[in-house]
Amino acid sequence: MAANATTNPSQLLPLELVDKCIGSRIHIVMKSDKEIVGTLLGFDDFVNMVLEDVTEFEITPEGRRITKLDQILLNGNNITMVSQVYYFFLHWFLVYVEFSY
């Protein structure tokens, strides 16, 4: 399967896709009730990530908690999804509107 992906330039392997995001803002959904937005500086084969200019969003019983961090090392075992940052804004806006009524 991997051989076919490398012969067809329109297909990307997962790590190739993450590599294209280096230097860009990304949105990460974690296994816990956390979502993280930051600029991807680098990653390894286990998708452990180094991010800068980070905002962490956490759902707590008291509501949403927002934490700003300069730089983090994120364990790849806890990542559920990675996407470009424009999805993040749409997702949190819809959640905000839905819960504000």
PDB file of N, CA and C in Angstrom:
ATOM      1  N   MET A   1       0.822  -1.197   0.000  1.00  0.00           N
ATOM      2  CA  MET A   1       0.000   0.000   0.000  1.00  0.00           C
ATOM      3  C   MET A   1       0.862   1.254   0.000  1.00  0.00           C
ATOM      4  N   ALA A   2       1.911   1.279   0.824  1.00  0.00           N
ATOM      5  CA  ALA A   2       2.773   2.458   0.889  1.00  0.00           C
ATOM      6  C   ALA A   2       3.487   2.686  -0.434  1.00  0.00           C
ATOM      7  N   ALA A   3       3.815   1.615  -1.149  1.00  0.00           N
ATOM      8  CA  ALA A   3       4.489   1.768  -2.440  1.00  0.00           C
ATOM      9  C   ALA A   3       3.593   2.498  -3.431  1.00  0.00           C
ATOM     10  N   ASN A   4       2.299   2.210  -3.419  1.00  0.00           N
ATOM     11  CA  ASN A   4       1.374   2.902  -4.313  1.00  0.00           C
ATOM     12  C   ASN A   4       1.266   4.381  -3.969  1.00  0.00           C
ATOM     13  N   ALA A   5       1.309   4.692  -2.684  1.00  0.00           N
ATOM     14  CA  ALA A   5       1.187   6.085  -2.257  1.00  0.00           C
ATOM     15  C   ALA A   5       2.384   6.907  -2.711  1.00  0.00           C
ATOM     16  N   THR A   6       3.562   6.289  -2.761  1.00  0.00           N
ATOM     17  CA  THR A   6       4.746   7.038  -3.166  1.00  0.00           C
ATOM     18  C   THR A   6       4.825   7.195  -4.678  1.00  0.00           C
ATOM     19  N   THR A   7       4.184   6.323  -5.447  1.00  0.00           N
ATOM     20  CA  THR A   7       4.225   6.446  -6.903  1.00  0.00           C
ATOM     21  C   THR A   7       3.174   7.413  -7.426  1.00  0.00           C
ATOM     22  N   ASN A   8       2.148   7.683  -6.661  1.00  0.00           N
ATOM     23  CA  ASN A   8       1.099   8.603  -7.066  1.00  0.00           C
ATOM     24  C   ASN A   8       1.303   9.929  -6.327  1.00  0.00           C
ATOM     25  N   PRO A   9       1.750  10.981  -7.015  1.00  0.00           N
ATOM     26  CA  PRO A   9       2.042  12.238  -6.322  1.00  0.00           C
ATOM     27  C   PRO A   9       0.819  12.918  -5.715  1.00  0.00           C
ATOM     28  N   SER A  10      -0.394  12.507  -6.079  1.00  0.00           N
ATOM     29  CA  SER A  10      -1.586  13.141  -5.512  1.00  0.00           C
ATOM     30  C   SER A  10      -1.920  12.584  -4.133  1.00  0.00           C
ATOM     31  N   GLN A  11      -1.255  11.501  -3.717  1.00  0.00           N
ATOM     32  CA  GLN A  11      -1.494  10.923  -2.398  1.00  0.00           C
ATOM     33  C   GLN A  11      -0.348  11.287  -1.465  1.00  0.00           C
ATOM     34  N   LEU A  12      -0.682  11.601  -0.225  1.00  0.00           N
ATOM     35  CA  LEU A  12       0.318  11.921   0.784  1.00  0.00           C
ATOM     36  C   LEU A  12       0.223  10.934   1.931  1.00  0.00           C
ATOM     37  N   LEU A  13       1.365  10.530   2.450  1.00  0.00           N
ATOM     38  CA  LEU A  13       1.385   9.736   3.665  1.00  0.00           C
ATOM     39  C   LEU A  13       1.132  10.668   4.850  1.00  0.00           C
ATOM     40  N   PRO A  14       0.615  10.148   5.963  1.00  0.00           N
ATOM     41  CA  PRO A  14       0.275  11.018   7.094  1.00  0.00           C
ATOM     42  C   PRO A  14       1.425  11.909   7.563  1.00  0.00           C
ATOM     43  N   LEU A  15       2.623  11.363   7.702  1.00  0.00           N
ATOM     44  CA  LEU A  15       3.738  12.183   8.174  1.00  0.00           C
ATOM     45  C   LEU A  15       4.148  13.229   7.146  1.00  0.00           C
ATOM     46  N   GLU A  16       3.947  12.943   5.865  1.00  0.00           N
ATOM     47  CA  GLU A  16       4.229  13.947   4.832  1.00  0.00           C
ATOM     48  C   GLU A  16       3.258  15.121   4.960  1.00  0.00           C
ATOM     49  N   LEU A  17       2.027  14.820   5.278  1.00  0.00           N
ATOM     50  CA  LEU A  17       1.025  15.871   5.450  1.00  0.00           C
ATOM     51  C   LEU A  17       1.357  16.746   6.661  1.00  0.00           C
ATOM     52  N   VAL A  18       1.752  16.119   7.771  1.00  0.00           N
ATOM     53  CA  VAL A  18       2.141  16.884   8.954  1.00  0.00           C
ATOM     54  C   VAL A  18       3.382  17.720   8.647  1.00  0.00           C
ATOM     55  N   ASP A  19       4.321  17.161   7.890  1.00  0.00           N
ATOM     56  CA  ASP A  19       5.545  17.883   7.529  1.00  0.00           C
ATOM     57  C   ASP A  19       5.224  19.163   6.759  1.00  0.00           C
ATOM     58  N   LYS A  20       4.206  19.128   5.929  1.00  0.00           N
ATOM     59  CA  LYS A  20       3.805  20.317   5.169  1.00  0.00           C
ATOM     60  C   LYS A  20       3.251  21.419   6.081  1.00  0.00           C
ATOM     61  N   CYS A  21       2.895  21.075   7.315  1.00  0.00           N
ATOM     62  CA  CYS A  21       2.335  22.052   8.254  1.00  0.00           C
ATOM     63  C   CYS A  21       3.401  22.747   9.104  1.00  0.00           C
ATOM     64  N   ILE A  22       4.660  22.352   8.999  1.00  0.00           N
ATOM     65  CA  ILE A  22       5.704  22.996   9.803  1.00  0.00           C
ATOM     66  C   ILE A  22       5.735  24.486   9.480  1.00  0.00           C
ATOM     67  N   GLY A  23       5.718  25.288  10.521  1.00  0.00           N
ATOM     68  CA  GLY A  23       5.692  26.739  10.372  1.00  0.00           C
ATOM     69  C   GLY A  23       4.292  27.317  10.279  1.00  0.00           C
ATOM     70  N   SER A  24       3.275  26.453  10.237  1.00  0.00           N
ATOM     71  CA  SER A  24       1.882  26.897  10.109  1.00  0.00           C
ATOM     72  C   SER A  24       1.140  26.727  11.430  1.00  0.00           C
ATOM     73  N   ARG A  25       0.023  27.434  11.552  1.00  0.00           N
ATOM     74  CA  ARG A  25      -0.860  27.277  12.705  1.00  0.00           C
ATOM     75  C   ARG A  25      -1.698  26.021  12.497  1.00  0.00           C
ATOM     76  N   ILE A  26      -1.749  25.185  13.527  1.00  0.00           N
ATOM     77  CA  ILE A  26      -2.537  23.958  13.445  1.00  0.00           C
ATOM     78  C   ILE A  26      -3.456  23.858  14.657  1.00  0.00           C
ATOM     79  N   HIS A  27      -4.486  23.066  14.490  1.00  0.00           N
ATOM     80  CA  HIS A  27      -5.481  22.794  15.534  1.00  0.00           C
ATOM     81  C   HIS A  27      -5.364  21.321  15.867  1.00  0.00           C
ATOM     82  N   ILE A  28      -5.211  21.003  17.148  1.00  0.00           N
ATOM     83  CA  ILE A  28      -5.042  19.621  17.589  1.00  0.00           C
ATOM     84  C   ILE A  28      -6.154  19.285  18.574  1.00  0.00           C
ATOM     85  N   VAL A  29      -6.830  18.175  18.341  1.00  0.00           N
ATOM     86  CA  VAL A  29      -7.830  17.659  19.274  1.00  0.00           C
ATOM     87  C   VAL A  29      -7.170  16.515  20.036  1.00  0.00           C
ATOM     88  N   MET A  30      -7.226  16.589  21.353  1.00  0.00           N
ATOM     89  CA  MET A  30      -6.601  15.589  22.208  1.00  0.00           C
ATOM     90  C   MET A  30      -7.625  14.541  22.641  1.00  0.00           C
ATOM     91  N   LYS A  31      -7.145  13.415  23.185  1.00  0.00           N
ATOM     92  CA  LYS A  31      -8.033  12.375  23.695  1.00  0.00           C
ATOM     93  C   LYS A  31      -8.858  12.874  24.876  1.00  0.00           C
ATOM     94  N   SER A  32      -8.290  13.766  25.671  1.00  0.00           N
ATOM     95  CA  SER A  32      -9.023  14.352  26.796  1.00  0.00           C
ATOM     96  C   SER A  32      -9.913  15.474  26.268  1.00  0.00           C
ATOM     97  N   ASP A  33     -10.488  16.236  27.156  1.00  0.00           N
ATOM     98  CA  ASP A  33     -11.348  17.355  26.753  1.00  0.00           C
ATOM     99  C   ASP A  33     -10.521  18.604  26.473  1.00  0.00           C
ATOM    100  N   LYS A  34      -9.444  18.448  25.711  1.00  0.00           N
ATOM    101  CA  LYS A  34      -8.569  19.577  25.389  1.00  0.00           C
ATOM    102  C   LYS A  34      -8.416  19.710  23.882  1.00  0.00           C
ATOM    103  N   GLU A  35      -8.306  20.954  23.461  1.00  0.00           N
ATOM    104  CA  GLU A  35      -7.949  21.263  22.081  1.00  0.00           C
ATOM    105  C   GLU A  35      -6.837  22.292  22.138  1.00  0.00           C
ATOM    106  N   ILE A  36      -5.901  22.188  21.223  1.00  0.00           N
ATOM    107  CA  ILE A  36      -4.711  23.026  21.243  1.00  0.00           C
ATOM    108  C   ILE A  36      -4.527  23.660  19.878  1.00  0.00           C
ATOM    109  N   VAL A  37      -4.174  24.932  19.884  1.00  0.00           N
ATOM    110  CA  VAL A  37      -3.839  25.651  18.657  1.00  0.00           C
ATOM    111  C   VAL A  37      -2.453  26.239  18.847  1.00  0.00           C
ATOM    112  N   GLY A  38      -1.593  26.050  17.857  1.00  0.00           N
ATOM    113  CA  GLY A  38      -0.250  26.608  17.940  1.00  0.00           C
ATOM    114  C   GLY A  38       0.455  26.509  16.607  1.00  0.00           C
ATOM    115  N   THR A  39       1.649  27.072  16.564  1.00  0.00           N
ATOM    116  CA  THR A  39       2.483  27.011  15.368  1.00  0.00           C
ATOM    117  C   THR A  39       3.397  25.800  15.489  1.00  0.00           C
ATOM    118  N   LEU A  40       3.343  24.915  14.510  1.00  0.00           N
ATOM    119  CA  LEU A  40       4.137  23.690  14.528  1.00  0.00           C
ATOM    120  C   LEU A  40       5.587  23.999  14.186  1.00  0.00           C
ATOM    121  N   LEU A  41       6.497  23.695  15.132  1.00  0.00           N
ATOM    122  CA  LEU A  41       7.927  23.887  14.891  1.00  0.00           C
ATOM    123  C   LEU A  41       8.590  22.615  14.391  1.00  0.00           C
ATOM    124  N   GLY A  42       8.104  21.456  14.862  1.00  0.00           N
ATOM    125  CA  GLY A  42       8.685  20.187  14.441  1.00  0.00           C
ATOM    126  C   GLY A  42       7.942  19.020  15.053  1.00  0.00           C
ATOM    127  N   PHE A  43       8.286  17.806  14.585  1.00  0.00           N
ATOM    128  CA  PHE A  43       7.661  16.584  15.081  1.00  0.00           C
ATOM    129  C   PHE A  43       8.595  15.418  14.785  1.00  0.00           C
ATOM    130  N   ASP A  44       8.298  14.256  15.396  1.00  0.00           N
ATOM    131  CA  ASP A  44       9.095  13.061  15.131  1.00  0.00           C
ATOM    132  C   ASP A  44       8.206  11.960  14.555  1.00  0.00           C
ATOM    133  N   ASP A  45       8.769  10.750  14.417  1.00  0.00           N
ATOM    134  CA  ASP A  45       8.021   9.637  13.826  1.00  0.00           C
ATOM    135  C   ASP A  45       6.833   9.194  14.672  1.00  0.00           C
ATOM    136  N   PHE A  46       6.817   9.558  15.952  1.00  0.00           N
ATOM    137  CA  PHE A  46       5.704   9.213  16.840  1.00  0.00           C
ATOM    138  C   PHE A  46       4.686  10.347  16.920  1.00  0.00           C
ATOM    139  N   VAL A  47       4.856  11.362  16.122  1.00  0.00           N
ATOM    140  CA  VAL A  47       4.028  12.562  16.056  1.00  0.00           C
ATOM    141  C   VAL A  47       4.037  13.329  17.386  1.00  0.00           C
ATOM    142  N   ASN A  48       5.115  13.180  18.167  1.00  0.00           N
ATOM    143  CA  ASN A  48       5.352  14.114  19.260  1.00  0.00           C
ATOM    144  C   ASN A  48       5.622  15.445  18.588  1.00  0.00           C
ATOM    145  N   MET A  49       5.045  16.517  19.097  1.00  0.00           N
ATOM    146  CA  MET A  49       5.136  17.810  18.413  1.00  0.00           C
ATOM    147  C   MET A  49       5.689  18.892  19.320  1.00  0.00           C
ATOM    148  N   VAL A  50       6.458  19.801  18.726  1.00  0.00           N
ATOM    149  CA  VAL A  50       6.892  21.016  19.399  1.00  0.00           C
ATOM    150  C   VAL A  50       6.097  22.154  18.779  1.00  0.00           C
ATOM    151  N   LEU A  51       5.385  22.899  19.633  1.00  0.00           N
ATOM    152  CA  LEU A  51       4.540  24.004  19.187  1.00  0.00           C
ATOM    153  C   LEU A  51       4.937  25.275  19.923  1.00  0.00           C
ATOM    154  N   GLU A  52       4.781  26.416  19.256  1.00  0.00           N
ATOM    155  CA  GLU A  52       4.986  27.701  19.920  1.00  0.00           C
ATOM    156  C   GLU A  52       3.741  28.557  19.757  1.00  0.00           C
ATOM    157  N   ASP A  53       3.668  29.612  20.575  1.00  0.00           N
ATOM    158  CA  ASP A  53       2.518  30.521  20.558  1.00  0.00           C
ATOM    159  C   ASP A  53       1.229  29.709  20.686  1.00  0.00           C
ATOM    160  N   VAL A  54       1.121  28.981  21.784  1.00  0.00           N
ATOM    161  CA  VAL A  54       0.088  27.962  21.976  1.00  0.00           C
ATOM    162  C   VAL A  54      -1.083  28.500  22.795  1.00  0.00           C
ATOM    163  N   THR A  55      -2.288  28.114  22.390  1.00  0.00           N
ATOM    164  CA  THR A  55      -3.496  28.345  23.181  1.00  0.00           C
ATOM    165  C   THR A  55      -4.141  26.990  23.420  1.00  0.00           C
ATOM    166  N   GLU A  56      -4.395  26.686  24.699  1.00  0.00           N
ATOM    167  CA  GLU A  56      -5.007  25.414  25.076  1.00  0.00           C
ATOM    168  C   GLU A  56      -6.425  25.685  25.557  1.00  0.00           C
ATOM    169  N   PHE A  57      -7.372  24.952  25.016  1.00  0.00           N
ATOM    170  CA  PHE A  57      -8.781  25.069  25.395  1.00  0.00           C
ATOM    171  C   PHE A  57      -9.184  23.775  26.085  1.00  0.00           C
ATOM    172  N   GLU A  58      -9.739  23.902  27.282  1.00  0.00           N
ATOM    173  CA  GLU A  58     -10.130  22.724  28.042  1.00  0.00           C
ATOM    174  C   GLU A  58     -11.559  22.886  28.538  1.00  0.00           C
ATOM    175  N   ILE A  59     -12.350  21.829  28.402  1.00  0.00           N
ATOM    176  CA  ILE A  59     -13.714  21.815  28.930  1.00  0.00           C
ATOM    177  C   ILE A  59     -13.646  21.298  30.366  1.00  0.00           C
ATOM    178  N   THR A  60     -14.133  22.091  31.300  1.00  0.00           N
ATOM    179  CA  THR A  60     -14.150  21.702  32.711  1.00  0.00           C
ATOM    180  C   THR A  60     -15.592  21.765  33.213  1.00  0.00           C
ATOM    181  N   PRO A  61     -15.871  21.194  34.382  1.00  0.00           N
ATOM    182  CA  PRO A  61     -17.232  21.301  34.933  1.00  0.00           C
ATOM    183  C   PRO A  61     -17.676  22.751  35.144  1.00  0.00           C
ATOM    184  N   GLU A  62     -16.702  23.644  35.348  1.00  0.00           N
ATOM    185  CA  GLU A  62     -17.025  25.062  35.554  1.00  0.00           C
ATOM    186  C   GLU A  62     -17.198  25.818  34.245  1.00  0.00           C
ATOM    187  N   GLY A  63     -16.826  25.225  33.147  1.00  0.00           N
ATOM    188  CA  GLY A  63     -16.893  25.892  31.844  1.00  0.00           C
ATOM    189  C   GLY A  63     -15.615  25.674  31.064  1.00  0.00           C
ATOM    190  N   ARG A  64     -15.343  26.571  30.129  1.00  0.00           N
ATOM    191  CA  ARG A  64     -14.128  26.458  29.321  1.00  0.00           C
ATOM    192  C   ARG A  64     -12.982  27.215  29.966  1.00  0.00           C
ATOM    193  N   ARG A  65     -11.813  26.584  29.959  1.00  0.00           N
ATOM    194  CA  ARG A  65     -10.601  27.232  30.466  1.00  0.00           C
ATOM    195  C   ARG A  65      -9.648  27.430  29.294  1.00  0.00           C
ATOM    196  N   ILE A  66      -9.116  28.635  29.166  1.00  0.00           N
ATOM    197  CA  ILE A  66      -8.186  28.957  28.087  1.00  0.00           C
ATOM    198  C   ILE A  66      -6.842  29.290  28.717  1.00  0.00           C
ATOM    199  N   THR A  67      -5.790  28.603  28.249  1.00  0.00           N
ATOM    200  CA  THR A  67      -4.440  28.804  28.761  1.00  0.00           C
ATOM    201  C   THR A  67      -3.522  29.157  27.605  1.00  0.00           C
ATOM    202  N   LYS A  68      -2.733  30.210  27.772  1.00  0.00           N
ATOM    203  CA  LYS A  68      -1.750  30.614  26.759  1.00  0.00           C
ATOM    204  C   LYS A  68      -0.372  30.140  27.210  1.00  0.00           C
ATOM    205  N   LEU A  69       0.398  29.559  26.284  1.00  0.00           N
ATOM    206  CA  LEU A  69       1.735  29.052  26.570  1.00  0.00           C
ATOM    207  C   LEU A  69       2.689  29.484  25.462  1.00  0.00           C
ATOM    208  N   ASP A  70       3.942  29.752  25.833  1.00  0.00           N
ATOM    209  CA  ASP A  70       4.932  30.159  24.832  1.00  0.00           C
ATOM    210  C   ASP A  70       5.339  28.992  23.936  1.00  0.00           C
ATOM    211  N   GLN A  71       5.658  27.843  24.562  1.00  0.00           N
ATOM    212  CA  GLN A  71       6.136  26.691  23.795  1.00  0.00           C
ATOM    213  C   GLN A  71       5.830  25.412  24.570  1.00  0.00           C
ATOM    214  N   ILE A  72       5.466  24.340  23.838  1.00  0.00           N
ATOM    215  CA  ILE A  72       5.188  23.055  24.486  1.00  0.00           C
ATOM    216  C   ILE A  72       5.749  21.914  23.647  1.00  0.00           C
ATOM    217  N   LEU A  73       5.978  20.791  24.333  1.00  0.00           N
ATOM    218  CA  LEU A  73       6.280  19.514  23.690  1.00  0.00           C
ATOM    219  C   LEU A  73       5.070  18.637  23.941  1.00  0.00           C
ATOM    220  N   LEU A  74       4.385  18.243  22.888  1.00  0.00           N
ATOM    221  CA  LEU A  74       3.122  17.515  22.978  1.00  0.00           C
ATOM    222  C   LEU A  74       3.360  16.040  22.687  1.00  0.00           C
ATOM    223  N   ASN A  75       2.872  15.159  23.562  1.00  0.00           N
ATOM    224  CA  ASN A  75       3.016  13.718  23.383  1.00  0.00           C
ATOM    225  C   ASN A  75       2.060  13.238  22.294  1.00  0.00           C
ATOM    226  N   GLY A  76       2.589  12.615  21.269  1.00  0.00           N
ATOM    227  CA  GLY A  76       1.785  12.159  20.142  1.00  0.00           C
ATOM    228  C   GLY A  76       0.769  11.086  20.488  1.00  0.00           C
ATOM    229  N   ASN A  77       0.979  10.343  21.593  1.00  0.00           N
ATOM    230  CA  ASN A  77       0.031   9.296  21.990  1.00  0.00           C
ATOM    231  C   ASN A  77      -1.336   9.853  22.352  1.00  0.00           C
ATOM    232  N   ASN A  78      -1.399  11.116  22.703  1.00  0.00           N
ATOM    233  CA  ASN A  78      -2.656  11.708  23.162  1.00  0.00           C
ATOM    234  C   ASN A  78      -3.390  12.494  22.086  1.00  0.00           C
ATOM    235  N   ILE A  79      -2.870  12.499  20.872  1.00  0.00           N
ATOM    236  CA  ILE A  79      -3.475  13.273  19.783  1.00  0.00           C
ATOM    237  C   ILE A  79      -4.533  12.438  19.069  1.00  0.00           C
ATOM    238  N   THR A  80      -5.710  13.029  18.877  1.00  0.00           N
ATOM    239  CA  THR A  80      -6.792  12.385  18.135  1.00  0.00           C
ATOM    240  C   THR A  80      -6.866  12.891  16.701  1.00  0.00           C
ATOM    241  N   MET A  81      -6.682  14.215  16.511  1.00  0.00           N
ATOM    242  CA  MET A  81      -6.825  14.800  15.182  1.00  0.00           C
ATOM    243  C   MET A  81      -5.955  16.042  15.056  1.00  0.00           C
ATOM    244  N   VAL A  82      -5.419  16.244  13.867  1.00  0.00           N
ATOM    245  CA  VAL A  82      -4.656  17.451  13.547  1.00  0.00           C
ATOM    246  C   VAL A  82      -5.268  18.050  12.294  1.00  0.00           C
ATOM    247  N   SER A  83      -5.494  19.364  12.306  1.00  0.00           N
ATOM    248  CA  SER A  83      -6.036  20.014  11.112  1.00  0.00           C
ATOM    249  C   SER A  83      -5.482  21.424  11.003  1.00  0.00           C
ATOM    250  N   GLN A  84      -5.739  22.040   9.878  1.00  0.00           N
ATOM    251  CA  GLN A  84      -5.336  23.428   9.704  1.00  0.00           C
ATOM    252  C   GLN A  84      -6.181  24.303  10.607  1.00  0.00           C
ATOM    253  N   VAL A  85      -5.661  25.461  10.945  1.00  0.00           N
ATOM    254  CA  VAL A  85      -6.269  26.291  11.977  1.00  0.00           C
ATOM    255  C   VAL A  85      -7.637  26.848  11.591  1.00  0.00           C
ATOM    256  N   TYR A  86      -7.978  26.996  10.313  1.00  0.00           N
ATOM    257  CA  TYR A  86      -9.279  27.568   9.969  1.00  0.00           C
ATOM    258  C   TYR A  86     -10.420  26.701  10.461  1.00  0.00           C
ATOM    259  N   TYR A  87     -10.224  25.371  10.570  1.00  0.00           N
ATOM    260  CA  TYR A  87     -11.257  24.497  11.128  1.00  0.00           C
ATOM    261  C   TYR A  87     -11.506  24.847  12.594  1.00  0.00           C
ATOM    262  N   PHE A  88     -10.439  25.147  13.315  1.00  0.00           N
ATOM    263  CA  PHE A  88     -10.540  25.475  14.738  1.00  0.00           C
ATOM    264  C   PHE A  88     -11.498  26.635  14.974  1.00  0.00           C
ATOM    265  N   PHE A  89     -11.335  27.712  14.228  1.00  0.00           N
ATOM    266  CA  PHE A  89     -12.167  28.883  14.448  1.00  0.00           C
ATOM    267  C   PHE A  89     -13.635  28.564  14.182  1.00  0.00           C
ATOM    268  N   LEU A  90     -13.923  27.844  13.146  1.00  0.00           N
ATOM    269  CA  LEU A  90     -15.294  27.465  12.845  1.00  0.00           C
ATOM    270  C   LEU A  90     -15.849  26.583  13.961  1.00  0.00           C
ATOM    271  N   HIS A  91     -15.081  25.587  14.396  1.00  0.00           N
ATOM    272  CA  HIS A  91     -15.529  24.653  15.420  1.00  0.00           C
ATOM    273  C   HIS A  91     -15.847  25.378  16.734  1.00  0.00           C
ATOM    274  N   TRP A  92     -14.927  26.204  17.233  1.00  0.00           N
ATOM    275  CA  TRP A  92     -15.157  26.867  18.507  1.00  0.00           C
ATOM    276  C   TRP A  92     -16.243  27.929  18.406  1.00  0.00           C
ATOM    277  N   PHE A  93     -16.392  28.572  17.272  1.00  0.00           N
ATOM    278  CA  PHE A  93     -17.468  29.539  17.098  1.00  0.00           C
ATOM    279  C   PHE A  93     -18.816  28.840  17.195  1.00  0.00           C
ATOM    280  N   LEU A  94     -18.957  27.696  16.535  1.00  0.00           N
ATOM    281  CA  LEU A  94     -20.219  26.962  16.588  1.00  0.00           C
ATOM    282  C   LEU A  94     -20.507  26.461  17.996  1.00  0.00           C
ATOM    283  N   VAL A  95     -19.471  25.993  18.705  1.00  0.00           N
ATOM    284  CA  VAL A  95     -19.668  25.553  20.083  1.00  0.00           C
ATOM    285  C   VAL A  95     -20.095  26.733  20.942  1.00  0.00           C
ATOM    286  N   TYR A  96     -19.463  27.885  20.753  1.00  0.00           N
ATOM    287  CA  TYR A  96     -19.798  29.077  21.531  1.00  0.00           C
ATOM    288  C   TYR A  96     -21.243  29.501  21.278  1.00  0.00           C
ATOM    289  N   VAL A  97     -21.647  29.554  20.039  1.00  0.00           N
ATOM    290  CA  VAL A  97     -23.015  29.959  19.702  1.00  0.00           C
ATOM    291  C   VAL A  97     -24.011  28.953  20.258  1.00  0.00           C
ATOM    292  N   GLU A  98     -23.694  27.665  20.142  1.00  0.00           N
ATOM    293  CA  GLU A  98     -24.603  26.632  20.603  1.00  0.00           C
ATOM    294  C   GLU A  98     -24.822  26.718  22.119  1.00  0.00           C
ATOM    295  N   PHE A  99     -23.773  27.001  22.895  1.00  0.00           N
ATOM    296  CA  PHE A  99     -23.880  27.029  24.342  1.00  0.00           C
ATOM    297  C   PHE A  99     -24.283  28.392  24.896  1.00  0.00           C
ATOM    298  N   SER A 100     -24.340  29.417  24.060  1.00  0.00           N
ATOM    299  CA  SER A 100     -24.637  30.750  24.578  1.00  0.00           C
ATOM    300  C   SER A 100     -26.134  31.008  24.717  1.00  0.00           C
ATOM    301  N   TYR A 101     -26.962  30.132  24.221  1.00  0.00           N
ATOM    302  CA  TYR A 101     -28.412  30.346  24.305  1.00  0.00           C
ATOM    303  C   TYR A 101     -28.993  29.800  25.574  1.00  0.00           C
TER     304      TYR A 101
END
